[in-house]
Protein backbone atom coordinates (compact mmCIF):
# COMPACT_ATOMS: atom_id res chain seq x y z
CA MET A 1 8.65 34.29 69.55
CA PHE A 2 10.12 33.95 66.06
CA ASN A 3 8.43 37.19 64.97
CA GLN A 4 9.79 39.04 68.01
CA ILE A 5 13.33 37.90 67.25
CA ASN A 6 13.00 39.03 63.63
CA LEU A 7 11.58 42.36 64.75
CA ARG A 8 14.58 43.03 66.99
CA MET A 9 17.00 42.13 64.25
CA ALA A 10 15.32 44.23 61.57
CA GLU A 11 17.12 47.43 60.70
CA ASN A 12 15.75 50.61 59.22
CA LYS A 13 15.96 50.57 55.47
CA THR A 14 16.95 54.24 55.55
CA GLN A 15 20.45 54.61 56.96
CA PRO A 16 22.94 57.51 57.07
CA THR A 17 25.30 57.63 54.11
CA LYS A 18 28.51 59.45 53.19
CA ALA A 19 26.79 61.29 50.30
CA ASP A 20 27.04 65.08 50.32
CA ALA A 21 23.74 66.83 51.08
CA ARG A 22 24.58 69.99 49.15
CA SER A 23 25.55 67.99 46.06
CA PHE A 24 22.24 66.15 46.33
CA LEU A 25 20.33 69.45 46.52
CA ASN A 26 22.18 70.83 43.51
CA LYS A 27 20.64 67.99 41.48
CA VAL A 28 17.03 68.84 42.41
CA GLU A 29 15.42 69.64 39.04
CA HIS A 30 12.68 71.96 40.25
CA LYS A 31 14.44 75.34 40.62
CA GLN A 32 12.20 76.79 43.35
CA ARG A 33 12.25 73.56 45.34
CA ARG A 34 16.06 73.46 45.06
CA GLU A 35 16.41 77.08 46.26
CA ASP A 36 13.92 76.53 49.10
CA SER A 37 15.76 73.36 50.12
CA PHE A 38 19.03 75.25 50.58
CA VAL A 39 17.22 77.72 52.85
CA ILE A 40 15.77 74.84 54.89
CA LEU A 41 19.17 73.14 55.04
CA ASP A 42 20.77 76.31 56.42
CA LEU A 43 17.91 76.81 58.90
CA MET A 44 18.03 73.26 60.27
CA GLU A 45 21.83 73.24 60.42
CA ARG A 46 21.89 76.52 62.33
CA LEU A 47 19.12 75.56 64.76
CA SER A 48 20.28 72.00 65.41
CA GLY A 49 24.00 72.73 65.55
CA HIS A 50 24.58 69.60 63.42
CA GLN A 51 25.94 69.11 59.93
CA PRO A 52 23.52 67.74 57.33
CA VAL A 53 23.70 63.99 56.75
CA MET A 54 22.11 62.13 53.87
CA TRP A 55 19.83 59.34 55.07
CA GLY A 56 19.25 56.99 52.20
CA GLU A 57 19.15 58.59 48.78
CA SER A 58 16.79 61.52 49.39
CA ILE A 59 16.46 62.56 53.05
CA ILE A 60 18.69 65.11 54.77
CA GLY A 61 18.81 64.73 58.55
CA PHE A 62 20.37 66.67 61.42
CA GLY A 63 21.49 65.13 64.71
CA THR A 64 20.67 61.59 65.78
CA TYR A 65 18.86 59.85 68.56
CA THR A 66 18.32 56.24 69.50
CA TYR A 67 14.77 55.01 69.88
CA LYS A 68 13.54 51.80 71.43
CA TYR A 69 10.02 50.41 71.13
CA ASP A 70 8.31 48.26 73.75
CA SER A 71 8.69 45.37 71.29
CA GLY A 72 12.46 45.61 71.73
CA ARG A 73 13.11 47.06 68.30
CA SER A 74 15.56 49.93 68.39
CA GLY A 75 17.53 52.05 65.98
CA ASP A 76 18.93 55.44 65.22
CA TRP A 77 17.14 58.25 63.44
CA PHE A 78 17.66 61.94 62.81
CA ILE A 79 16.10 64.59 65.05
CA VAL A 80 14.93 66.92 62.28
CA GLY A 81 15.21 66.59 58.53
CA PHE A 82 13.63 67.14 55.16
CA SER A 83 13.41 65.84 51.63
CA PRO A 84 12.68 67.73 48.42
CA ARG A 85 10.20 65.34 46.82
CA LYS A 86 8.64 65.77 43.39
CA GLN A 87 5.23 66.82 44.76
CA SER A 88 6.35 68.84 47.78
CA ILE A 89 9.02 69.30 50.41
CA SER A 90 8.64 66.81 53.25
CA LEU A 91 9.71 68.19 56.62
CA TYR A 92 10.42 65.53 59.22
CA LEU A 93 9.66 66.89 62.66
CA MET A 94 9.36 63.87 64.93
CA TYR A 95 7.23 65.62 67.48
CA GLY A 96 3.56 65.29 68.34
CA PHE A 97 1.80 67.91 66.25
CA ASP A 98 -1.01 68.11 68.79
CA LYS A 99 1.47 69.87 71.10
CA VAL A 100 2.24 72.57 68.53
CA GLN A 101 -1.15 73.06 66.90
CA HIS A 102 -1.01 76.76 67.84
CA LEU A 103 2.09 77.06 65.60
CA LEU A 104 0.61 75.00 62.79
CA ASP A 105 -2.39 77.34 62.80
CA LYS A 106 0.00 80.21 61.98
CA LEU A 107 2.34 78.34 59.62
CA GLY A 108 0.52 78.87 56.34
CA LYS A 109 -0.34 76.45 53.55
CA HIS A 110 0.73 72.94 54.50
CA LYS A 111 -0.43 69.37 54.91
CA LYS A 112 0.58 67.06 57.70
CA GLY A 113 1.16 63.39 58.19
CA LYS A 114 2.05 61.53 61.36
CA GLY A 115 5.52 63.05 61.77
CA CYS A 116 5.82 65.07 58.57
CA LEU A 117 4.76 68.41 57.23
CA TYR A 118 4.39 68.87 53.51
CA ILE A 119 4.85 72.26 51.86
CA ASN A 120 4.96 73.23 48.21
CA LYS A 121 7.25 76.24 48.60
CA LEU A 122 8.62 78.43 51.37
CA SER A 123 6.65 81.44 50.15
CA ASP A 124 3.48 79.54 51.21
CA ILE A 125 4.53 79.52 54.86
CA ASP A 126 5.93 81.74 57.60
CA ILE A 127 9.62 80.79 57.89
CA ASP A 128 9.77 82.11 61.46
CA ILE A 129 6.98 79.73 62.47
CA LEU A 130 8.84 76.89 60.73
CA ALA A 131 11.90 77.79 62.81
CA GLU A 132 9.76 77.59 65.96
CA LEU A 133 8.52 74.14 64.92
CA VAL A 134 12.08 72.94 64.29
CA ASN A 135 13.15 74.33 67.67
CA ALA A 136 10.18 72.67 69.40
CA THR A 137 11.28 69.31 67.98
CA ILE A 138 14.89 69.82 69.03
CA GLU A 139 13.90 70.90 72.54
CA ALA A 140 11.51 67.97 72.94
CA HIS A 141 14.37 65.60 72.16
CA LYS A 142 16.68 67.31 74.62
CA GLN A 143 14.10 67.29 77.42
CA ASN A 144 13.02 63.71 76.85
CA ASP A 145 16.60 62.52 76.62
CA CYS A 146 15.72 60.65 73.44
CA GLY A 147 19.31 59.56 72.89
CA HIS A 148 22.37 61.10 71.33
CA TYR A 149 22.18 64.81 70.71
């Protein structure tokens, strides 16, 4: 019981901040990654209809939803987002990739994690397919009524 209580009280370490996303991107050292990140920011802002919000020190998110696990733990998270990391750009698309494998097959050079895609540069992928993946994530959240949108 003690562990369950602690689990419910635990908060995400990564929280929205008041930091400016564009100022953050201007500080990205890698020129190509910085330029690509501005394109991704514009794409996600346009498709989501939400302003970019810094989550923690290095993630830019768009929109929010509230999740709740069977354990009782709940919290808020962004619907789509990305982070220009040193090794690659991490794209956070909280959607089951098995449902969009047909798009991933056409995306281009990428790696995937549980809820993330990793790309080195936009020229490695088809930006129109990326837009479809972002839209698929947004639509999944709307249809599943995942919380605030």
